[in-house]
Structures are given as C-alpha cells and as structure tokens.
Amino acid sequence: MSAPTSAQWLRAAARRIAKGSEILALERTKRLIGWVRSVWARTMTWLGEASGIAWVVRLAVLLGAAWLLRKIALGIAGAVARRLEATPSLMWIALALWLIAAWRAGDPKRPAPAVAEAEEPAAEEGPLAGMTVDEIRALLIDMLGTDAQVHLKVLAERLTGATRRPWETADVRAAVERAGGQVEKGVRMPGRTPSTGVRRKTLPDPSPTPPPPPVEGVVVAGQEPSTGAATATPTAPATPTPERGEERRAQPIGQGGVVVHDPAETVRHHAVRA
C-alpha cells in the first residue's frame, strides 16, 4: 500500500481535529450543565427548607452571593481580556493547547465509554442506586410511620439511620418524585416550624405482591377439576403381629445357628450361635 500524500494527510488531520473539537466542546458543555443543575438543585433545596423570616433571610443571602459572584466574574473576564490584548502571543499558546487536546480526543482508537460515562444519569448515584420504584415507595411509607406529613430534613435523618447510608434532602426529594409523590411547602410537624416536606396521601401504595401459582392437583374454588376422580391405591395389609401367648419358634439358619422368634420382645429376631 502506498503512503498517503501530503494533501490526504492534511485532510485526515483536519477531520480528526474537527471531530476532537466537537467531542471536547460536548464534554465541557455537559459538565458545565451538570454543575449548574447540581448547584441550582442544592440552592433550591436549601431555600425550600426554610419558611417565614428564615426564608426571606436565605433569599437575601442568595441574592447577595449572586451579585458578588457576578462582580468577580466580570472582573476576571476583564482582566483576561486586557491581558490577551497586551500579549497576543497567549492566544497562539491557547490555540496550540486546544489543537493538541482536540487531536488526542479525536483519536479513532480512543475508547467510547469515556463519553458514555458522562451521559449516565445522576439519579442512579447515591442512596437511590439500584432501587426500584416499589422499593422506594415502601421505604418512604415505612419511614413516614404514623405521621401524616413529614419534613424532608426529618425524612433524611430517618433514612440515614435506617439504611446506614447518608441521605441528603436532595436525595429525599428525588426519592419522593421517583415514587410518584409530591414535595410541598408549608408542611407542619408537632414542635417544628412549617417547612418543605411530603404528605402521606400523595404517595401511591406499592404494587401488591402477585399471588403464588396454584399447587398442581388442588382445585381452586369455582373451577372444574381438570382430571377425573382420583383412583384409590390399595395398600398392602399390615403384617400380623404374633400374639403374646404364642410359643417361641426356632428356625435353623445354617452353619450351626438358629433364629428364635420372641413375641414379647421389641426386637423380632435373635441370632444364636450353637
């Protein structure tokens, strides 16, 4: 086989870099979206755990943190832009690093699971991993006990103690949603201020366990027997037991021995050597 020409090699290299750039952009975007979703979910959970004045205070803290982060981000972006304008050579360095990363990412021999792992749903991680919907419903109903409504924080504490695995309020929220229940605000518990929680009436009952199949030969009520009447099997008559007053009988067994039948003993036969 002849070696590829320079034009063919350049076209193959361009396709590999383009493919690698697409993979890098997709991976970075997925990681950024996952991080934003995680931060948003934790923030909303933290805000939903409070009510009244505490909720207003937490909202003010979040708004202040958002304003501070915006100022910091704008400052960093401005400093980077001024630095790149002062030293254009940094752009060439950044471009070279990106081309190297894209070349490595576009390698045809690169294993595919590296991209598939990033697409795994986060719901399968943590204490909910490997649990079915019915198992989650049964666990939540068991943790609710006799309470008609329970806060998410209290449920997290109960689940942590029962399963010996750490449960966060975000995990409890995800479990309730997967079980078909509803997470509501203003849930009341004795001795506690109203907070975000779940009510028992919003949780569907687990699916009933199917009855076991009927045993072969047993006719279920309301059904016709599948076979005819059973034929009685005759049993052999019991061996008659000799009367207590019957005299002992001896039978020769050869080689100078006899068998003595003793009706008064539990052992029926005795071997006596002559």
Protein backbone atom coordinates (compact mmCIF):
# COMPACT_ATOMS: atom_id res chain seq x y z
CA MET A 1 0.00 0.00 0.00
CA SER A 2 1.41 3.41 -0.95
CA ALA A 3 1.91 6.10 1.68
CA PRO A 4 -0.71 8.87 1.79
CA THR A 5 0.14 12.10 0.09
CA SER A 6 0.54 15.38 1.96
CA ALA A 7 -2.90 16.56 0.89
CA GLN A 8 -4.53 13.33 2.10
CA TRP A 9 -2.70 13.51 5.43
CA LEU A 10 -3.75 17.14 5.94
CA ARG A 11 -7.40 16.30 5.19
CA ALA A 12 -7.32 13.37 7.63
CA ALA A 13 -5.68 15.53 10.30
CA ALA A 14 -8.28 18.28 9.79
CA ARG A 15 -11.12 15.76 10.15
CA ARG A 16 -9.55 14.34 13.32
CA ILE A 17 -9.09 17.80 14.86
CA ALA A 18 -12.66 18.79 13.94
CA LYS A 19 -14.04 15.60 15.49
CA GLY A 20 -11.89 16.09 18.60
CA SER A 21 -13.01 19.70 18.94
CA GLU A 22 -16.64 18.59 18.77
CA ILE A 23 -16.05 15.94 21.47
CA LEU A 24 -14.25 18.44 23.73
CA ALA A 25 -16.98 21.05 23.33
CA LEU A 26 -19.69 18.47 24.06
CA GLU A 27 -17.92 17.15 27.16
CA ARG A 28 -17.23 20.63 28.55
CA THR A 29 -20.83 21.70 27.92
CA LYS A 30 -22.24 18.61 29.64
CA ARG A 31 -20.00 19.12 32.65
CA LEU A 32 -21.00 22.78 32.89
CA ILE A 33 -24.72 21.95 32.60
CA GLY A 34 -24.39 19.21 35.22
CA TRP A 35 -22.60 21.55 37.60
CA VAL A 36 -25.20 24.30 37.11
CA ARG A 37 -28.07 21.83 37.70
CA SER A 38 -26.42 20.46 40.83
CA VAL A 39 -25.85 23.94 42.27
CA TRP A 40 -29.39 25.02 41.38
CA ALA A 41 -30.96 21.92 42.96
CA ARG A 42 -28.97 22.30 46.19
CA THR A 43 -29.75 26.01 46.32
CA MET A 44 -33.49 25.46 45.87
CA THR A 45 -33.45 22.67 48.47
CA TRP A 46 -31.64 24.88 50.96
CA LEU A 47 -34.08 27.71 50.30
CA GLY A 48 -37.12 25.41 50.48
CA GLU A 49 -36.15 24.07 53.90
CA ALA A 50 -36.91 27.44 55.46
CA SER A 51 -40.12 29.41 55.78
CA GLY A 52 -41.24 32.80 57.01
CA ILE A 53 -38.47 35.17 58.12
CA ALA A 54 -35.82 32.49 57.68
CA TRP A 55 -36.84 32.07 54.03
CA VAL A 56 -36.53 35.82 53.42
CA VAL A 57 -33.08 35.86 55.05
CA ARG A 58 -31.86 32.98 52.93
CA LEU A 59 -33.20 34.59 49.77
CA ALA A 60 -31.35 37.82 50.65
CA VAL A 61 -28.13 35.82 51.19
CA LEU A 62 -28.53 34.14 47.80
CA LEU A 63 -29.14 37.44 46.02
CA GLY A 64 -26.10 38.96 47.71
CA ALA A 65 -23.95 35.98 46.76
CA ALA A 66 -25.17 36.15 43.15
CA TRP A 67 -24.35 39.87 42.94
CA LEU A 68 -20.87 39.27 44.42
CA LEU A 69 -20.15 36.38 42.05
CA ARG A 70 -21.24 38.50 39.09
CA LYS A 71 -18.82 41.26 40.08
CA ILE A 72 -15.99 38.74 40.49
CA ALA A 73 -16.73 37.07 37.13
CA LEU A 74 -16.83 40.39 35.29
CA GLY A 75 -13.55 41.42 36.93
CA ILE A 76 -11.82 38.20 35.93
CA ALA A 77 -13.15 38.39 32.36
CA GLY A 78 -11.99 41.99 32.02
CA ALA A 79 -8.53 41.16 33.37
CA VAL A 80 -8.17 38.22 30.95
CA ALA A 81 -9.28 40.37 28.00
CA ARG A 82 -6.78 43.11 28.87
CA ARG A 83 -4.03 40.53 29.31
CA LEU A 84 -4.72 38.96 25.93
CA GLU A 85 -4.80 42.38 24.29
CA ALA A 86 -1.43 43.26 25.81
CA THR A 87 0.18 39.92 24.88
CA PRO A 88 -1.40 38.42 21.73
CA SER A 89 1.04 35.52 21.90
CA LEU A 90 -1.13 33.96 24.64
CA MET A 91 -3.84 33.40 22.04
CA TRP A 92 -1.43 31.31 19.98
CA ILE A 93 -0.48 29.31 23.08
CA ALA A 94 -4.14 28.71 23.91
CA LEU A 95 -4.82 27.70 20.28
CA ALA A 96 -1.91 25.26 20.31
CA LEU A 97 -3.13 23.67 23.57
CA TRP A 98 -6.64 23.31 22.13
CA LEU A 99 -5.33 21.69 18.93
CA ILE A 100 -3.31 19.20 20.94
CA ALA A 101 -6.31 18.33 23.12
CA ALA A 102 -8.58 18.04 20.05
CA TRP A 103 -6.04 15.80 18.29
CA ARG A 104 -5.95 13.45 21.28
CA ALA A 105 -9.74 13.48 21.71
CA GLY A 106 -10.29 12.70 18.01
CA ASP A 107 -8.12 9.59 18.10
CA PRO A 108 -10.11 6.75 16.42
CA LYS A 109 -8.64 4.30 18.95
CA ARG A 110 -9.98 6.29 21.89
CA PRO A 111 -12.36 4.12 23.99
CA ALA A 112 -16.01 5.13 23.65
CA PRO A 113 -17.03 4.55 27.34
CA ALA A 114 -15.27 7.80 28.29
CA VAL A 115 -18.08 9.71 26.59
CA ALA A 116 -20.81 7.32 27.72
CA GLU A 117 -19.85 7.72 31.37
CA ALA A 118 -20.61 11.43 31.18
CA GLU A 119 -24.13 10.63 29.96
CA GLU A 120 -25.03 8.44 32.95
CA PRO A 121 -27.98 9.92 34.86
CA ALA A 122 -27.10 11.34 38.23
CA ALA A 123 -30.27 9.83 39.69
CA GLU A 124 -28.63 6.40 39.75
CA GLU A 125 -25.96 7.63 42.12
CA GLY A 126 -26.18 7.91 45.88
CA PRO A 127 -28.59 6.01 48.14
CA LEU A 128 -31.17 5.54 45.34
CA ALA A 129 -28.83 3.44 43.20
CA GLY A 130 -30.30 0.05 42.33
CA MET A 131 -33.71 0.68 43.95
CA THR A 132 -36.97 0.14 42.09
CA VAL A 133 -39.98 2.44 42.32
CA ASP A 134 -41.89 -0.01 44.54
CA GLU A 135 -38.89 -0.34 46.88
CA ILE A 136 -38.64 3.44 47.18
CA ARG A 137 -42.37 3.75 47.91
CA ALA A 138 -42.26 1.04 50.54
CA LEU A 139 -39.20 2.61 52.17
CA LEU A 140 -40.73 6.09 52.29
CA ILE A 141 -44.04 4.79 53.68
CA ASP A 142 -42.13 2.84 56.32
CA MET A 143 -40.17 5.96 57.30
CA LEU A 144 -43.33 8.06 57.48
CA GLY A 145 -44.77 5.62 60.00
CA THR A 146 -47.86 7.02 61.66
CA ASP A 147 -47.09 10.62 60.65
CA ALA A 148 -49.42 12.05 58.03
CA GLN A 149 -46.76 14.54 56.90
CA VAL A 150 -43.02 14.80 57.50
CA HIS A 151 -40.35 17.38 56.66
CA LEU A 152 -37.67 16.43 54.13
CA LYS A 153 -34.96 17.05 56.71
CA VAL A 154 -36.61 14.69 59.19
CA LEU A 155 -37.06 12.04 56.50
CA ALA A 156 -33.37 12.36 55.60
CA GLU A 157 -32.42 11.73 59.23
CA ARG A 158 -34.72 8.71 59.48
CA LEU A 159 -33.48 7.24 56.20
CA THR A 160 -29.86 7.73 57.22
CA GLY A 161 -30.43 5.84 60.45
CA ALA A 162 -32.48 3.06 58.84
CA THR A 163 -30.30 2.38 55.78
CA ARG A 164 -26.94 3.30 57.37
CA ARG A 165 -26.20 5.40 54.30
CA PRO A 166 -26.05 9.22 54.21
CA TRP A 167 -29.22 10.83 52.87
CA GLU A 168 -29.44 14.49 51.95
CA THR A 169 -32.65 16.44 51.49
CA ALA A 170 -31.97 16.46 47.74
CA ASP A 171 -31.89 12.64 47.81
CA VAL A 172 -35.21 12.54 49.68
CA ARG A 173 -36.75 14.97 47.18
CA ALA A 174 -35.56 12.79 44.29
CA ALA A 175 -36.91 9.66 46.01
CA VAL A 176 -40.34 11.24 46.55
CA GLU A 177 -40.52 12.37 42.93
CA ARG A 178 -39.50 8.94 41.61
CA ALA A 179 -42.09 7.32 43.86
CA GLY A 180 -44.82 9.49 42.36
CA GLY A 181 -45.31 11.70 45.44
CA GLN A 182 -45.30 15.46 45.79
CA VAL A 183 -42.91 17.69 47.70
CA GLU A 184 -44.87 20.60 49.16
CA LYS A 185 -44.14 23.69 51.18
CA GLY A 186 -45.80 24.56 54.46
CA VAL A 187 -45.76 21.01 55.82
CA ARG A 188 -46.37 21.05 59.58
CA MET A 189 -44.97 18.78 62.26
CA PRO A 190 -45.53 18.97 66.02
CA GLY A 191 -42.92 21.12 67.74
CA ARG A 192 -41.41 22.38 64.46
CA THR A 193 -41.92 25.38 62.23
CA PRO A 194 -43.61 24.69 58.85
CA SER A 195 -41.13 23.61 56.17
CA THR A 196 -40.84 21.70 52.92
CA GLY A 197 -41.93 18.09 53.21
CA VAL A 198 -44.16 15.32 51.90
CA ARG A 199 -47.65 14.20 52.85
CA ARG A 200 -48.54 10.51 53.07
CA LYS A 201 -51.68 10.89 50.95
CA THR A 202 -49.60 11.98 47.93
CA LEU A 203 -47.56 8.75 47.91
CA PRO A 204 -49.07 5.88 45.91
CA ASP A 205 -49.14 2.49 47.60
CA PRO A 206 -46.59 -0.09 46.41
CA SER A 207 -47.78 -2.61 43.84
CA PRO A 208 -49.40 -5.64 45.54
CA THR A 209 -47.40 -8.85 45.52
CA PRO A 210 -48.88 -11.28 42.94
CA PRO A 211 -50.41 -14.44 44.50
CA PRO A 212 -48.39 -17.65 44.14
CA PRO A 213 -49.46 -20.08 41.38
CA PRO A 214 -51.89 -22.83 42.49
CA VAL A 215 -50.35 -26.12 43.50
CA GLU A 216 -50.79 -28.86 40.94
CA GLY A 217 -53.66 -31.18 41.83
CA VAL A 218 -55.50 -28.63 44.01
CA VAL A 219 -58.83 -27.42 42.62
CA VAL A 220 -59.45 -23.68 43.11
CA ALA A 221 -62.93 -22.71 44.28
CA GLY A 222 -65.24 -22.04 41.35
CA GLN A 223 -63.24 -24.13 38.86
CA GLU A 224 -63.93 -27.57 37.47
CA PRO A 225 -61.41 -30.30 38.27
CA SER A 226 -59.06 -30.88 35.35
CA THR A 227 -58.88 -34.64 35.90
CA GLY A 228 -61.29 -37.36 36.91
CA ALA A 229 -61.79 -38.75 40.33
CA ALA A 230 -58.64 -40.00 41.91
CA THR A 231 -58.22 -43.74 41.93
CA ALA A 232 -57.65 -45.16 45.35
CA THR A 233 -54.40 -47.07 45.60
CA PRO A 234 -54.83 -50.29 47.53
CA THR A 235 -52.43 -50.73 50.37
CA ALA A 236 -50.99 -53.99 51.47
CA PRO A 237 -52.41 -55.41 54.72
CA ALA A 238 -50.31 -54.90 57.77
CA THR A 239 -48.13 -57.79 58.82
CA PRO A 240 -49.93 -59.62 61.64
CA THR A 241 -48.27 -59.32 64.98
CA PRO A 242 -47.97 -62.59 66.86
CA GLU A 243 -49.98 -62.90 70.00
CA ARG A 244 -48.17 -62.57 73.31
CA GLY A 245 -49.12 -66.07 74.29
CA GLU A 246 -47.70 -67.63 71.12
CA GLU A 247 -44.88 -70.03 71.76
CA ARG A 248 -41.38 -69.28 70.51
CA ARG A 249 -40.38 -70.87 67.24
CA ALA A 250 -36.84 -71.59 66.15
CA GLN A 251 -35.67 -71.82 62.56
CA PRO A 252 -32.30 -73.08 61.50
CA ILE A 253 -30.12 -70.57 59.63
CA GLY A 254 -27.26 -72.87 58.73
CA GLN A 255 -23.69 -73.14 59.99
CA GLY A 256 -24.87 -74.23 63.43
CA GLY A 257 -27.20 -71.28 64.21
CA VAL A 258 -30.94 -70.78 64.76
CA VAL A 259 -33.36 -67.82 64.70
CA VAL A 260 -35.59 -67.54 67.78
CA HIS A 261 -38.91 -65.64 67.41
CA ASP A 262 -39.74 -63.91 70.68
CA PRO A 263 -43.19 -62.21 70.56
CA ALA A 264 -42.68 -60.49 73.92
CA GLU A 265 -39.59 -58.53 72.80
CA THR A 266 -39.42 -55.45 70.55
CA VAL A 267 -36.52 -56.95 68.67
CA ARG A 268 -38.15 -59.58 66.49
CA HIS A 269 -35.17 -61.82 65.71
CA HIS A 270 -32.19 -63.05 67.70
CA ALA A 271 -29.29 -64.89 66.10
CA VAL A 272 -27.94 -67.57 68.43
CA ARG A 273 -24.81 -69.44 67.61
CA ALA A 274 -24.69 -73.11 68.63
